[in-house]
Amino acid sequence: MNHTPEPWGIADRFGACNVSASGGRSICSTGGYQNNSLDSGDVRIENEANAARIVSCVNALSGLNPEGVRAVVEAARKLSFAAQTTGGTAGRDDGLVAAIDAMEAALAKVRAQP
């Protein structure tokens, strides 16, 4: 089964944070009415954050296999570790050091929580 194509966005409808397709069709809602009243305050802020995270994750993975992302991160971590710990006799390789630094920075961004 296929999911709704990207890009996804956020629409505020009837007090709820709706995750919507590019054509405006609602995909899901992260809040709205509870006990006959609209979500407000901290609940509303959390609902907005949840909707933003859903949209960000889906759009970031557009064209990628989500199951493969974790494997790529783990492989990059292992490659970085191997590059840092495998000794050579040629001396310092500034290009390799720069590549390791770039990989470590990218891994930190992937693991960071917004």
PDB file of N, CA and C in Angstrom:
ATOM      1  N   MET A   1       0.843  -1.175   0.000  1.00  0.00           N
ATOM      2  CA  MET A   1       0.000   0.000   0.000  1.00  0.00           C
ATOM      3  C   MET A   1       0.891   1.241   0.000  1.00  0.00           C
ATOM      4  N   ASN A   2       0.539   2.209  -0.808  1.00  0.00           N
ATOM      5  CA  ASN A   2       1.306   3.445  -0.903  1.00  0.00           C
ATOM      6  C   ASN A   2       0.718   4.513  -0.001  1.00  0.00           C
ATOM      7  N   HIS A   3       1.590   5.385   0.500  1.00  0.00           N
ATOM      8  CA  HIS A   3       1.117   6.513   1.311  1.00  0.00           C
ATOM      9  C   HIS A   3       0.849   7.704   0.399  1.00  0.00           C
ATOM     10  N   THR A   4       0.245   8.726   0.960  1.00  0.00           N
ATOM     11  CA  THR A   4      -0.038   9.955   0.222  1.00  0.00           C
ATOM     12  C   THR A   4       1.280  10.588  -0.201  1.00  0.00           C
ATOM     13  N   PRO A   5       1.405  10.984  -1.474  1.00  0.00           N
ATOM     14  CA  PRO A   5       2.663  11.565  -1.946  1.00  0.00           C
ATOM     15  C   PRO A   5       3.027  12.863  -1.210  1.00  0.00           C
ATOM     16  N   GLU A   6       4.318  13.114  -1.110  1.00  0.00           N
ATOM     17  CA  GLU A   6       4.811  14.348  -0.542  1.00  0.00           C
ATOM     18  C   GLU A   6       4.686  15.457  -1.592  1.00  0.00           C
ATOM     19  N   PRO A   7       4.783  16.706  -1.206  1.00  0.00           N
ATOM     20  CA  PRO A   7       5.050  17.182   0.157  1.00  0.00           C
ATOM     21  C   PRO A   7       3.785  17.250   1.005  1.00  0.00           C
ATOM     22  N   TRP A   8       3.974  17.064   2.294  1.00  0.00           N
ATOM     23  CA  TRP A   8       2.902  17.223   3.264  1.00  0.00           C
ATOM     24  C   TRP A   8       3.054  18.594   3.915  1.00  0.00           C
ATOM     25  N   GLY A   9       1.995  19.095   4.510  1.00  0.00           N
ATOM     26  CA  GLY A   9       2.025  20.383   5.180  1.00  0.00           C
ATOM     27  C   GLY A   9       1.107  20.371   6.384  1.00  0.00           C
ATOM     28  N   ILE A  10       0.942  21.525   6.995  1.00  0.00           N
ATOM     29  CA  ILE A  10       0.088  21.662   8.172  1.00  0.00           C
ATOM     30  C   ILE A  10      -0.984  22.692   7.869  1.00  0.00           C
ATOM     31  N   ALA A  11      -2.203  22.344   8.210  1.00  0.00           N
ATOM     32  CA  ALA A  11      -3.334  23.258   8.045  1.00  0.00           C
ATOM     33  C   ALA A  11      -4.078  23.323   9.370  1.00  0.00           C
ATOM     34  N   ASP A  12      -4.431  24.516   9.788  1.00  0.00           N
ATOM     35  CA  ASP A  12      -5.199  24.681  11.023  1.00  0.00           C
ATOM     36  C   ASP A  12      -6.671  24.706  10.638  1.00  0.00           C
ATOM     37  N   ARG A  13      -7.368  23.633  10.981  1.00  0.00           N
ATOM     38  CA  ARG A  13      -8.786  23.531  10.637  1.00  0.00           C
ATOM     39  C   ARG A  13      -9.597  23.245  11.885  1.00  0.00           C
ATOM     40  N   PHE A  14     -10.529  24.086  12.151  1.00  0.00           N
ATOM     41  CA  PHE A  14     -11.459  23.880  13.259  1.00  0.00           C
ATOM     42  C   PHE A  14     -10.732  23.697  14.584  1.00  0.00           C
ATOM     43  N   GLY A  15      -9.613  24.401  14.745  1.00  0.00           N
ATOM     44  CA  GLY A  15      -8.872  24.327  15.997  1.00  0.00           C
ATOM     45  C   GLY A  15      -7.955  23.135  16.121  1.00  0.00           C
ATOM     46  N   ALA A  16      -7.882  22.295  15.103  1.00  0.00           N
ATOM     47  CA  ALA A  16      -7.003  21.126  15.141  1.00  0.00           C
ATOM     48  C   ALA A  16      -5.817  21.362  14.216  1.00  0.00           C
ATOM     49  N   CYS A  17      -4.708  20.710  14.510  1.00  0.00           N
ATOM     50  CA  CYS A  17      -3.533  20.763  13.653  1.00  0.00           C
ATOM     51  C   CYS A  17      -3.625  19.586  12.693  1.00  0.00           C
ATOM     52  N   ASN A  18      -3.980  19.849  11.461  1.00  0.00           N
ATOM     53  CA  ASN A  18      -4.157  18.792  10.471  1.00  0.00           C
ATOM     54  C   ASN A  18      -2.926  18.667   9.599  1.00  0.00           C
ATOM     55  N   VAL A  19      -2.449  17.451   9.444  1.00  0.00           N
ATOM     56  CA  VAL A  19      -1.397  17.148   8.488  1.00  0.00           C
ATOM     57  C   VAL A  19      -2.112  16.942   7.166  1.00  0.00           C
ATOM     58  N   SER A  20      -1.689  17.704   6.142  1.00  0.00           N
ATOM     59  CA  SER A  20      -2.419  17.717   4.882  1.00  0.00           C
ATOM     60  C   SER A  20      -1.517  17.408   3.697  1.00  0.00           C
ATOM     61  N   ALA A  21      -2.114  16.822   2.658  1.00  0.00           N
ATOM     62  CA  ALA A  21      -1.412  16.568   1.406  1.00  0.00           C
ATOM     63  C   ALA A  21      -1.258  17.886   0.653  1.00  0.00           C
ATOM     64  N   SER A  22      -0.409  17.868  -0.377  1.00  0.00           N
ATOM     65  CA  SER A  22      -0.158  19.098  -1.131  1.00  0.00           C
ATOM     66  C   SER A  22      -1.432  19.657  -1.752  1.00  0.00           C
ATOM     67  N   GLY A  23      -2.418  18.815  -2.026  1.00  0.00           N
ATOM     68  CA  GLY A  23      -3.685  19.292  -2.574  1.00  0.00           C
ATOM     69  C   GLY A  23      -4.648  19.801  -1.517  1.00  0.00           C
ATOM     70  N   GLY A  24      -4.252  19.727  -0.243  1.00  0.00           N
ATOM     71  CA  GLY A  24      -5.082  20.226   0.842  1.00  0.00           C
ATOM     72  C   GLY A  24      -5.908  19.171   1.550  1.00  0.00           C
ATOM     73  N   ARG A  25      -5.894  17.927   1.054  1.00  0.00           N
ATOM     74  CA  ARG A  25      -6.672  16.858   1.697  1.00  0.00           C
ATOM     75  C   ARG A  25      -6.045  16.510   3.036  1.00  0.00           C
ATOM     76  N   SER A  26      -6.874  16.425   4.071  1.00  0.00           N
ATOM     77  CA  SER A  26      -6.396  16.103   5.414  1.00  0.00           C
ATOM     78  C   SER A  26      -5.944  14.652   5.481  1.00  0.00           C
ATOM     79  N   ILE A  27      -4.750  14.426   6.050  1.00  0.00           N
ATOM     80  CA  ILE A  27      -4.213  13.081   6.232  1.00  0.00           C
ATOM     81  C   ILE A  27      -4.480  12.607   7.650  1.00  0.00           C
ATOM     82  N   CYS A  28      -4.219  13.456   8.626  1.00  0.00           N
ATOM     83  CA  CYS A  28      -4.497  13.121  10.024  1.00  0.00           C
ATOM     84  C   CYS A  28      -4.542  14.411  10.844  1.00  0.00           C
ATOM     85  N   SER A  29      -5.033  14.301  12.061  1.00  0.00           N
ATOM     86  CA  SER A  29      -5.138  15.435  12.965  1.00  0.00           C
ATOM     87  C   SER A  29      -4.406  15.111  14.251  1.00  0.00           C
ATOM     88  N   THR A  30      -3.677  16.085  14.784  1.00  0.00           N
ATOM     89  CA  THR A  30      -2.969  15.876  16.040  1.00  0.00           C
ATOM     90  C   THR A  30      -3.677  16.532  17.213  1.00  0.00           C
ATOM     91  N   GLY A  31      -4.916  16.908  17.046  1.00  0.00           N
ATOM     92  CA  GLY A  31      -5.653  17.517  18.152  1.00  0.00           C
ATOM     93  C   GLY A  31      -6.977  18.061  17.686  1.00  0.00           C
ATOM     94  N   GLY A  32      -7.600  18.793  18.531  1.00  0.00           N
ATOM     95  CA  GLY A  32      -8.892  19.382  18.190  1.00  0.00           C
ATOM     96  C   GLY A  32      -9.784  19.415  19.402  1.00  0.00           C
ATOM     97  N   TYR A  33     -10.960  18.846  19.260  1.00  0.00           N
ATOM     98  CA  TYR A  33     -11.933  18.856  20.348  1.00  0.00           C
ATOM     99  C   TYR A  33     -11.709  17.691  21.300  1.00  0.00           C
ATOM    100  N   GLN A  34     -11.747  17.983  22.578  1.00  0.00           N
ATOM    101  CA  GLN A  34     -11.744  16.967  23.627  1.00  0.00           C
ATOM    102  C   GLN A  34     -12.726  17.427  24.690  1.00  0.00           C
ATOM    103  N   ASN A  35     -13.589  16.547  25.107  1.00  0.00           N
ATOM    104  CA  ASN A  35     -14.585  16.882  26.128  1.00  0.00           C
ATOM    105  C   ASN A  35     -15.379  18.131  25.760  1.00  0.00           C
ATOM    106  N   ASN A  36     -15.751  18.231  24.488  1.00  0.00           N
ATOM    107  CA  ASN A  36     -16.562  19.330  23.965  1.00  0.00           C
ATOM    108  C   ASN A  36     -15.904  20.702  24.049  1.00  0.00           C
ATOM    109  N   SER A  37     -14.569  20.743  24.129  1.00  0.00           N
ATOM    110  CA  SER A  37     -13.882  22.031  24.078  1.00  0.00           C
ATOM    111  C   SER A  37     -12.606  21.881  23.247  1.00  0.00           C
ATOM    112  N   LEU A  38     -12.184  22.992  22.653  1.00  0.00           N
ATOM    113  CA  LEU A  38     -10.970  22.966  21.843  1.00  0.00           C
ATOM    114  C   LEU A  38      -9.741  22.800  22.721  1.00  0.00           C
ATOM    115  N   ASP A  39      -8.743  22.063  22.181  1.00  0.00           N
ATOM    116  CA  ASP A  39      -7.452  21.987  22.869  1.00  0.00           C
ATOM    117  C   ASP A  39      -6.886  23.394  22.991  1.00  0.00           C
ATOM    118  N   SER A  40      -6.240  23.682  24.099  1.00  0.00           N
ATOM    119  CA  SER A  40      -5.643  24.995  24.265  1.00  0.00           C
ATOM    120  C   SER A  40      -4.383  24.877  25.116  1.00  0.00           C
ATOM    121  N   GLY A  41      -3.666  25.985  25.241  1.00  0.00           N
ATOM    122  CA  GLY A  41      -2.482  26.042  26.087  1.00  0.00           C
ATOM    123  C   GLY A  41      -1.417  25.041  25.692  1.00  0.00           C
ATOM    124  N   ASP A  42      -0.878  24.319  26.694  1.00  0.00           N
ATOM    125  CA  ASP A  42       0.210  23.374  26.470  1.00  0.00           C
ATOM    126  C   ASP A  42      -0.190  22.249  25.519  1.00  0.00           C
ATOM    127  N   VAL A  43      -1.445  21.812  25.586  1.00  0.00           N
ATOM    128  CA  VAL A  43      -1.911  20.744  24.701  1.00  0.00           C
ATOM    129  C   VAL A  43      -1.853  21.221  23.254  1.00  0.00           C
ATOM    130  N   ARG A  44      -2.295  22.429  23.006  1.00  0.00           N
ATOM    131  CA  ARG A  44      -2.280  22.996  21.653  1.00  0.00           C
ATOM    132  C   ARG A  44      -0.843  23.104  21.142  1.00  0.00           C
ATOM    133  N   ILE A  45       0.065  23.571  21.998  1.00  0.00           N
ATOM    134  CA  ILE A  45       1.474  23.704  21.609  1.00  0.00           C
ATOM    135  C   ILE A  45       2.061  22.340  21.267  1.00  0.00           C
ATOM    136  N   GLU A  46       1.738  21.329  22.074  1.00  0.00           N
ATOM    137  CA  GLU A  46       2.230  19.973  21.806  1.00  0.00           C
ATOM    138  C   GLU A  46       1.637  19.426  20.506  1.00  0.00           C
ATOM    139  N   ASN A  47       0.358  19.667  20.267  1.00  0.00           N
ATOM    140  CA  ASN A  47      -0.271  19.217  19.027  1.00  0.00           C
ATOM    141  C   ASN A  47       0.398  19.844  17.806  1.00  0.00           C
ATOM    142  N   GLU A  48       0.701  21.127  17.888  1.00  0.00           N
ATOM    143  CA  GLU A  48       1.373  21.818  16.783  1.00  0.00           C
ATOM    144  C   GLU A  48       2.770  21.232  16.562  1.00  0.00           C
ATOM    145  N   ALA A  49       3.484  20.959  17.653  1.00  0.00           N
ATOM    146  CA  ALA A  49       4.825  20.371  17.544  1.00  0.00           C
ATOM    147  C   ALA A  49       4.756  18.968  16.942  1.00  0.00           C
ATOM    148  N   ASN A  50       3.757  18.185  17.350  1.00  0.00           N
ATOM    149  CA  ASN A  50       3.595  16.835  16.793  1.00  0.00           C
ATOM    150  C   ASN A  50       3.323  16.888  15.292  1.00  0.00           C
ATOM    151  N   ALA A  51       2.439  17.778  14.885  1.00  0.00           N
ATOM    152  CA  ALA A  51       2.124  17.913  13.462  1.00  0.00           C
ATOM    153  C   ALA A  51       3.366  18.345  12.682  1.00  0.00           C
ATOM    154  N   ALA A  52       4.122  19.301  13.218  1.00  0.00           N
ATOM    155  CA  ALA A  52       5.336  19.772  12.549  1.00  0.00           C
ATOM    156  C   ALA A  52       6.364  18.656  12.412  1.00  0.00           C
ATOM    157  N   ARG A  53       6.484  17.825  13.445  1.00  0.00           N
ATOM    158  CA  ARG A  53       7.450  16.708  13.385  1.00  0.00           C
ATOM    159  C   ARG A  53       7.027  15.671  12.352  1.00  0.00           C
ATOM    160  N   ILE A  54       5.744  15.342  12.309  1.00  0.00           N
ATOM    161  CA  ILE A  54       5.250  14.388  11.314  1.00  0.00           C
ATOM    162  C   ILE A  54       5.569  14.890   9.905  1.00  0.00           C
ATOM    163  N   VAL A  55       5.233  16.138   9.638  1.00  0.00           N
ATOM    164  CA  VAL A  55       5.455  16.713   8.312  1.00  0.00           C
ATOM    165  C   VAL A  55       6.943  16.766   7.984  1.00  0.00           C
ATOM    166  N   SER A  56       7.759  17.179   8.944  1.00  0.00           N
ATOM    167  CA  SER A  56       9.202  17.264   8.720  1.00  0.00           C
ATOM    168  C   SER A  56       9.804  15.903   8.399  1.00  0.00           C
ATOM    169  N   CYS A  57       9.421  14.888   9.155  1.00  0.00           N
ATOM    170  CA  CYS A  57       9.966  13.536   8.933  1.00  0.00           C
ATOM    171  C   CYS A  57       9.530  12.983   7.583  1.00  0.00           C
ATOM    172  N   VAL A  58       8.250  13.105   7.270  1.00  0.00           N
ATOM    173  CA  VAL A  58       7.750  12.570   6.002  1.00  0.00           C
ATOM    174  C   VAL A  58       8.419  13.275   4.825  1.00  0.00           C
ATOM    175  N   ASN A  59       8.483  14.595   4.849  1.00  0.00           N
ATOM    176  CA  ASN A  59       9.069  15.326   3.730  1.00  0.00           C
ATOM    177  C   ASN A  59      10.576  15.082   3.619  1.00  0.00           C
ATOM    178  N   ALA A  60      11.271  14.921   4.740  1.00  0.00           N
ATOM    179  CA  ALA A  60      12.713  14.661   4.705  1.00  0.00           C
ATOM    180  C   ALA A  60      13.025  13.302   4.094  1.00  0.00           C
ATOM    181  N   LEU A  61      12.122  12.345   4.244  1.00  0.00           N
ATOM    182  CA  LEU A  61      12.343  10.994   3.716  1.00  0.00           C
ATOM    183  C   LEU A  61      11.774  10.799   2.318  1.00  0.00           C
ATOM    184  N   SER A  62      11.288  11.862   1.704  1.00  0.00           N
ATOM    185  CA  SER A  62      10.712  11.761   0.363  1.00  0.00           C
ATOM    186  C   SER A  62      11.729  11.132  -0.590  1.00  0.00           C
ATOM    187  N   GLY A  63      11.322  10.051  -1.235  1.00  0.00           N
ATOM    188  CA  GLY A  63      12.198   9.370  -2.180  1.00  0.00           C
ATOM    189  C   GLY A  63      13.166   8.383  -1.552  1.00  0.00           C
ATOM    190  N   LEU A  64      13.145   8.259  -0.227  1.00  0.00           N
ATOM    191  CA  LEU A  64      14.035   7.333   0.470  1.00  0.00           C
ATOM    192  C   LEU A  64      13.245   6.176   1.068  1.00  0.00           C
ATOM    193  N   ASN A  65      13.918   5.080   1.289  1.00  0.00           N
ATOM    194  CA  ASN A  65      13.327   3.951   1.988  1.00  0.00           C
ATOM    195  C   ASN A  65      13.555   4.178   3.479  1.00  0.00           C
ATOM    196  N   PRO A  66      12.505   4.474   4.253  1.00  0.00           N
ATOM    197  CA  PRO A  66      12.691   4.789   5.671  1.00  0.00           C
ATOM    198  C   PRO A  66      13.409   3.690   6.457  1.00  0.00           C
ATOM    199  N   GLU A  67      13.191   2.424   6.083  1.00  0.00           N
ATOM    200  CA  GLU A  67      13.853   1.337   6.806  1.00  0.00           C
ATOM    201  C   GLU A  67      15.361   1.370   6.600  1.00  0.00           C
ATOM    202  N   GLY A  68      15.803   1.950   5.496  1.00  0.00           N
ATOM    203  CA  GLY A  68      17.235   1.998   5.211  1.00  0.00           C
ATOM    204  C   GLY A  68      17.973   3.111   5.924  1.00  0.00           C
ATOM    205  N   VAL A  69      17.253   4.113   6.411  1.00  0.00           N
ATOM    206  CA  VAL A  69      17.913   5.266   7.035  1.00  0.00           C
ATOM    207  C   VAL A  69      18.704   4.850   8.272  1.00  0.00           C
ATOM    208  N   ARG A  70      18.103   4.037   9.136  1.00  0.00           N
ATOM    209  CA  ARG A  70      18.803   3.586  10.335  1.00  0.00           C
ATOM    210  C   ARG A  70      20.061   2.810   9.971  1.00  0.00           C
ATOM    211  N   ALA A  71      19.978   1.980   8.941  1.00  0.00           N
ATOM    212  CA  ALA A  71      21.135   1.198   8.498  1.00  0.00           C
ATOM    213  C   ALA A  71      22.248   2.107   7.976  1.00  0.00           C
ATOM    214  N   VAL A  72      21.879   3.156   7.252  1.00  0.00           N
ATOM    215  CA  VAL A  72      22.873   4.094   6.735  1.00  0.00           C
ATOM    216  C   VAL A  72      23.573   4.822   7.886  1.00  0.00           C
ATOM    217  N   VAL A  73      22.806   5.252   8.880  1.00  0.00           N
ATOM    218  CA  VAL A  73      23.391   5.947  10.031  1.00  0.00           C
ATOM    219  C   VAL A  73      24.360   5.026  10.760  1.00  0.00           C
ATOM    220  N   GLU A  74      23.966   3.784  10.978  1.00  0.00           N
ATOM    221  CA  GLU A  74      24.840   2.832  11.671  1.00  0.00           C
ATOM    222  C   GLU A  74      26.101   2.543  10.856  1.00  0.00           C
ATOM    223  N   ALA A  75      25.962   2.380   9.547  1.00  0.00           N
ATOM    224  CA  ALA A  75      27.126   2.143   8.699  1.00  0.00           C
ATOM    225  C   ALA A  75      28.068   3.345   8.708  1.00  0.00           C
ATOM    226  N   ALA A  76      27.512   4.538   8.681  1.00  0.00           N
ATOM    227  CA  ALA A  76      28.341   5.750   8.729  1.00  0.00           C
ATOM    228  C   ALA A  76      29.086   5.848  10.051  1.00  0.00           C
ATOM    229  N   ARG A  77      28.410   5.494  11.141  1.00  0.00           N
ATOM    230  CA  ARG A  77      29.063   5.515  12.446  1.00  0.00           C
ATOM    231  C   ARG A  77      30.239   4.537  12.481  1.00  0.00           C
ATOM    232  N   LYS A  78      30.025   3.330  11.963  1.00  0.00           N
ATOM    233  CA  LYS A  78      31.090   2.315  11.936  1.00  0.00           C
ATOM    234  C   LYS A  78      32.238   2.743  11.018  1.00  0.00           C
ATOM    235  N   LEU A  79      31.912   3.319   9.875  1.00  0.00           N
ATOM    236  CA  LEU A  79      32.942   3.783   8.952  1.00  0.00           C
ATOM    237  C   LEU A  79      33.780   4.893   9.576  1.00  0.00           C
ATOM    238  N   SER A  80      33.096   5.820  10.253  1.00  0.00           N
ATOM    239  CA  SER A  80      33.820   6.904  10.926  1.00  0.00           C
ATOM    240  C   SER A  80      34.742   6.345  11.992  1.00  0.00           C
ATOM    241  N   PHE A  81      34.259   5.405  12.789  1.00  0.00           N
ATOM    242  CA  PHE A  81      35.079   4.796  13.835  1.00  0.00           C
ATOM    243  C   PHE A  81      36.286   4.084  13.227  1.00  0.00           C
ATOM    244  N   ALA A  82      36.059   3.317  12.161  1.00  0.00           N
ATOM    245  CA  ALA A  82      37.162   2.590  11.524  1.00  0.00           C
ATOM    246  C   ALA A  82      38.200   3.548  10.958  1.00  0.00           C
ATOM    247  N   ALA A  83      37.735   4.630  10.346  1.00  0.00           N
ATOM    248  CA  ALA A  83      38.665   5.599   9.767  1.00  0.00           C
ATOM    249  C   ALA A  83      39.500   6.287  10.840  1.00  0.00           C
ATOM    250  N   GLN A  84      38.901   6.475  12.018  1.00  0.00           N
ATOM    251  CA  GLN A  84      39.622   7.139  13.104  1.00  0.00           C
ATOM    252  C   GLN A  84      40.605   6.211  13.816  1.00  0.00           C
ATOM    253  N   THR A  85      40.334   4.916  13.799  1.00  0.00           N
ATOM    254  CA  THR A  85      41.137   3.997  14.610  1.00  0.00           C
ATOM    255  C   THR A  85      42.069   3.107  13.796  1.00  0.00           C
ATOM    256  N   THR A  86      41.929   3.096  12.484  1.00  0.00           N
ATOM    257  CA  THR A  86      42.799   2.272  11.660  1.00  0.00           C
ATOM    258  C   THR A  86      44.090   3.037  11.409  1.00  0.00           C
ATOM    259  N   GLY A  87      45.182   2.470  11.865  1.00  0.00           N
ATOM    260  CA  GLY A  87      46.477   3.145  11.741  1.00  0.00           C
ATOM    261  C   GLY A  87      47.080   2.971  10.367  1.00  0.00           C
ATOM    262  N   GLY A  88      47.799   3.935   9.970  1.00  0.00           N
ATOM    263  CA  GLY A  88      48.517   3.874   8.706  1.00  0.00           C
ATOM    264  C   GLY A  88      49.924   4.412   8.911  1.00  0.00           C
ATOM    265  N   THR A  89      50.781   4.152   7.968  1.00  0.00           N
ATOM    266  CA  THR A  89      52.168   4.599   8.106  1.00  0.00           C
ATOM    267  C   THR A  89      52.471   5.826   7.269  1.00  0.00           C
ATOM    268  N   ALA A  90      51.488   6.287   6.515  1.00  0.00           N
ATOM    269  CA  ALA A  90      51.729   7.421   5.621  1.00  0.00           C
ATOM    270  C   ALA A  90      51.644   8.759   6.335  1.00  0.00           C
ATOM    271  N   GLY A  91      51.260   8.766   7.600  1.00  0.00           N
ATOM    272  CA  GLY A  91      51.120  10.023   8.319  1.00  0.00           C
ATOM    273  C   GLY A  91      49.706  10.561   8.230  1.00  0.00           C
ATOM    274  N   ARG A  92      49.542  11.755   8.732  1.00  0.00           N
ATOM    275  CA  ARG A  92      48.223  12.382   8.802  1.00  0.00           C
ATOM    276  C   ARG A  92      47.662  12.627   7.404  1.00  0.00           C
ATOM    277  N   ASP A  93      46.389  12.272   7.226  1.00  0.00           N
ATOM    278  CA  ASP A  93      45.684  12.501   5.960  1.00  0.00           C
ATOM    279  C   ASP A  93      44.629  13.562   6.228  1.00  0.00           C
ATOM    280  N   ASP A  94      44.943  14.805   5.869  1.00  0.00           N
ATOM    281  CA  ASP A  94      44.031  15.912   6.157  1.00  0.00           C
ATOM    282  C   ASP A  94      42.681  15.752   5.465  1.00  0.00           C
ATOM    283  N   GLY A  95      42.659  15.154   4.287  1.00  0.00           N
ATOM    284  CA  GLY A  95      41.400  14.909   3.598  1.00  0.00           C
ATOM    285  C   GLY A  95      40.525  13.924   4.352  1.00  0.00           C
ATOM    286  N   LEU A  96      41.158  12.873   4.884  1.00  0.00           N
ATOM    287  CA  LEU A  96      40.413  11.882   5.668  1.00  0.00           C
ATOM    288  C   LEU A  96      39.906  12.506   6.962  1.00  0.00           C
ATOM    289  N   VAL A  97      40.726  13.310   7.616  1.00  0.00           N
ATOM    290  CA  VAL A  97      40.311  13.974   8.847  1.00  0.00           C
ATOM    291  C   VAL A  97      39.114  14.887   8.579  1.00  0.00           C
ATOM    292  N   ALA A  98      39.152  15.616   7.477  1.00  0.00           N
ATOM    293  CA  ALA A  98      38.032  16.498   7.121  1.00  0.00           C
ATOM    294  C   ALA A  98      36.769  15.681   6.833  1.00  0.00           C
ATOM    295  N   ALA A  99      36.930  14.535   6.160  1.00  0.00           N
ATOM    296  CA  ALA A  99      35.775  13.679   5.864  1.00  0.00           C
ATOM    297  C   ALA A  99      35.182  13.111   7.143  1.00  0.00           C
ATOM    298  N   ILE A 100      36.036  12.717   8.082  1.00  0.00           N
ATOM    299  CA  ILE A 100      35.561  12.204   9.374  1.00  0.00           C
ATOM    300  C   ILE A 100      34.796  13.291  10.114  1.00  0.00           C
ATOM    301  N   ASP A 101      35.347  14.496  10.143  1.00  0.00           N
ATOM    302  CA  ASP A 101      34.677  15.609  10.822  1.00  0.00           C
ATOM    303  C   ASP A 101      33.307  15.889  10.199  1.00  0.00           C
ATOM    304  N   ALA A 102      33.239  15.853   8.860  1.00  0.00           N
ATOM    305  CA  ALA A 102      31.968  16.092   8.180  1.00  0.00           C
ATOM    306  C   ALA A 102      30.960  14.981   8.496  1.00  0.00           C
ATOM    307  N   MET A 103      31.437  13.732   8.536  1.00  0.00           N
ATOM    308  CA  MET A 103      30.554  12.613   8.850  1.00  0.00           C
ATOM    309  C   MET A 103      30.046  12.711  10.283  1.00  0.00           C
ATOM    310  N   GLU A 104      30.923  13.036  11.217  1.00  0.00           N
ATOM    311  CA  GLU A 104      30.517  13.177  12.620  1.00  0.00           C
ATOM    312  C   GLU A 104      29.495  14.304  12.781  1.00  0.00           C
ATOM    313  N   ALA A 105      29.684  15.403  12.080  1.00  0.00           N
ATOM    314  CA  ALA A 105      28.731  16.520  12.138  1.00  0.00           C
ATOM    315  C   ALA A 105      27.380  16.102  11.564  1.00  0.00           C
ATOM    316  N   ALA A 106      27.413  15.364  10.448  1.00  0.00           N
ATOM    317  CA  ALA A 106      26.157  14.895   9.853  1.00  0.00           C
ATOM    318  C   ALA A 106      25.441  13.912  10.779  1.00  0.00           C
ATOM    319  N   LEU A 107      26.186  13.012  11.393  1.00  0.00           N
ATOM    320  CA  LEU A 107      25.574  12.045  12.324  1.00  0.00           C
ATOM    321  C   LEU A 107      24.973  12.770  13.527  1.00  0.00           C
ATOM    322  N   ALA A 108      25.648  13.808  14.005  1.00  0.00           N
ATOM    323  CA  ALA A 108      25.114  14.565  15.140  1.00  0.00           C
ATOM    324  C   ALA A 108      23.798  15.239  14.756  1.00  0.00           C
ATOM    325  N   LYS A 109      23.707  15.741  13.527  1.00  0.00           N
ATOM    326  CA  LYS A 109      22.464  16.371  13.078  1.00  0.00           C
ATOM    327  C   LYS A 109      21.345  15.345  12.962  1.00  0.00           C
ATOM    328  N   VAL A 110      21.674  14.141  12.474  1.00  0.00           N
ATOM    329  CA  VAL A 110      20.660  13.102  12.326  1.00  0.00           C
ATOM    330  C   VAL A 110      20.128  12.669  13.678  1.00  0.00           C
ATOM    331  N   ARG A 111      20.998  12.596  14.655  1.00  0.00           N
ATOM    332  CA  ARG A 111      20.598  12.131  15.968  1.00  0.00           C
ATOM    333  C   ARG A 111      19.977  13.237  16.829  1.00  0.00           C
ATOM    334  N   ALA A 112      20.154  14.486  16.443  1.00  0.00           N
ATOM    335  CA  ALA A 112      19.654  15.598  17.251  1.00  0.00           C
ATOM    336  C   ALA A 112      18.130  15.620  17.274  1.00  0.00           C
ATOM    337  N   GLN A 113      17.578  15.962  18.407  1.00  0.00           N
ATOM    338  CA  GLN A 113      16.132  16.117  18.552  1.00  0.00           C
ATOM    339  C   GLN A 113      15.820  17.613  18.474  1.00  0.00           C
ATOM    340  N   PRO A 114      14.817  17.944  17.660  1.00  0.00           N
ATOM    341  CA  PRO A 114      14.472  19.381  17.533  1.00  0.00           C
ATOM    342  C   PRO A 114      13.889  19.942  18.810  1.00  0.00           C
TER     343      PRO A 114
END
